[in-house]
Amino acid sequence: MRKITVEEVYKSDLSHRARAVWLYLHQRANKEHSCFPSIATICSDIKLSKSTVKRAISDLVNAGYIRKENRYRENNGQSSNLYTLI
């Protein structure tokens, strides 16, 4: 699978919020192109509201720029999501 580049994101029709969140995830991704920051961490680091970050993540998933997987703790409580850059 071909990896989307930073240049493609800048030239895309994504909203400013989606670009900011994609760039944030890109900077924090490991060699498997994945990371798992919480919504609260993303909000705090890039100074966007919780609802704005959630909309941006939804935009990125719908546009095919990232995959989002729910993660759960051993006690079945939800943990932060796993984001994988496409």
Protein backbone atom coordinates (compact mmCIF):
# COMPACT_ATOMS: atom_id res chain seq x y z
CA MET A 1 0.00 0.00 0.00
CA ARG A 2 1.31 3.43 -0.99
CA LYS A 3 1.86 5.88 1.86
CA ILE A 4 0.29 9.34 1.55
CA THR A 5 2.93 12.07 1.65
CA VAL A 6 2.93 15.39 3.48
CA GLU A 7 2.90 17.18 0.12
CA GLU A 8 -0.27 15.33 -0.89
CA VAL A 9 -1.95 16.35 2.36
CA TYR A 10 -1.03 20.01 1.81
CA LYS A 11 -2.44 19.88 -1.74
CA SER A 12 -5.59 18.00 -0.73
CA ASP A 13 -9.09 19.32 -0.26
CA LEU A 14 -9.00 18.41 3.45
CA SER A 15 -10.16 21.01 5.94
CA HIS A 16 -7.57 22.92 7.94
CA ARG A 17 -8.53 20.96 11.06
CA ALA A 18 -8.06 17.63 9.28
CA ARG A 19 -4.66 18.70 7.93
CA ALA A 20 -3.53 19.80 11.39
CA VAL A 21 -4.58 16.49 12.96
CA TRP A 22 -3.04 14.42 10.14
CA LEU A 23 0.27 16.28 10.50
CA TYR A 24 0.15 15.76 14.27
CA LEU A 25 -0.41 12.01 13.85
CA HIS A 26 2.27 11.85 11.14
CA GLN A 27 4.85 13.43 13.45
CA ARG A 28 4.06 10.95 16.23
CA ALA A 29 3.74 7.80 14.13
CA ASN A 30 6.13 4.87 14.61
CA LYS A 31 7.82 2.89 11.82
CA GLU A 32 4.53 1.03 11.25
CA HIS A 33 2.89 4.44 10.62
CA SER A 34 0.74 4.07 13.76
CA CYS A 35 0.27 6.03 16.96
CA PHE A 36 -2.28 6.16 19.76
CA PRO A 37 -2.58 9.61 21.35
CA SER A 38 -5.77 10.30 23.25
CA ILE A 39 -8.22 12.90 21.96
CA ALA A 40 -7.38 15.01 25.03
CA THR A 41 -3.66 14.89 24.20
CA ILE A 42 -4.26 15.90 20.59
CA CYS A 43 -6.51 18.77 21.75
CA SER A 44 -3.95 19.99 24.25
CA ASP A 45 -1.00 19.77 21.87
CA ILE A 46 -2.54 21.47 18.84
CA LYS A 47 -4.97 23.75 20.68
CA LEU A 48 -8.21 22.54 19.10
CA SER A 49 -11.46 21.65 20.85
CA LYS A 50 -12.52 18.06 21.45
CA SER A 51 -15.38 18.29 18.95
CA THR A 52 -13.09 19.80 16.30
CA VAL A 53 -10.53 17.02 16.71
CA LYS A 54 -13.25 14.36 16.54
CA ARG A 55 -14.64 15.92 13.33
CA ALA A 56 -11.12 16.06 11.87
CA ILE A 57 -10.50 12.39 12.65
CA SER A 58 -13.84 11.49 11.09
CA ASP A 59 -12.93 13.54 7.98
CA LEU A 60 -9.57 11.73 7.73
CA VAL A 61 -11.13 8.28 8.10
CA ASN A 62 -13.85 9.06 5.52
CA ALA A 63 -11.29 10.47 3.06
CA GLY A 64 -9.08 7.38 3.44
CA TYR A 65 -6.09 9.13 5.02
CA ILE A 66 -6.11 7.16 8.29
CA ARG A 67 -7.56 4.01 9.83
CA LYS A 68 -8.95 4.22 13.36
CA GLU A 69 -9.15 1.17 15.60
CA ASN A 70 -10.69 1.08 19.06
CA ARG A 71 -8.41 -0.29 21.77
CA TYR A 72 -9.52 -1.76 25.08
CA ARG A 73 -7.87 -2.41 28.43
CA GLU A 74 -7.86 -5.83 30.11
CA ASN A 75 -10.92 -4.79 32.16
CA ASN A 76 -12.76 -3.99 28.88
CA GLY A 77 -12.57 -0.23 29.46
CA GLN A 78 -11.81 1.78 26.35
CA SER A 79 -8.26 3.00 25.91
CA SER A 80 -7.02 5.51 23.35
CA ASN A 81 -7.64 4.69 19.70
CA LEU A 82 -4.95 3.36 17.39
CA TYR A 83 -4.47 5.57 14.32
CA THR A 84 -2.68 4.21 11.28
CA LEU A 85 -1.67 6.52 8.45
CA ILE A 86 -2.62 5.12 5.04
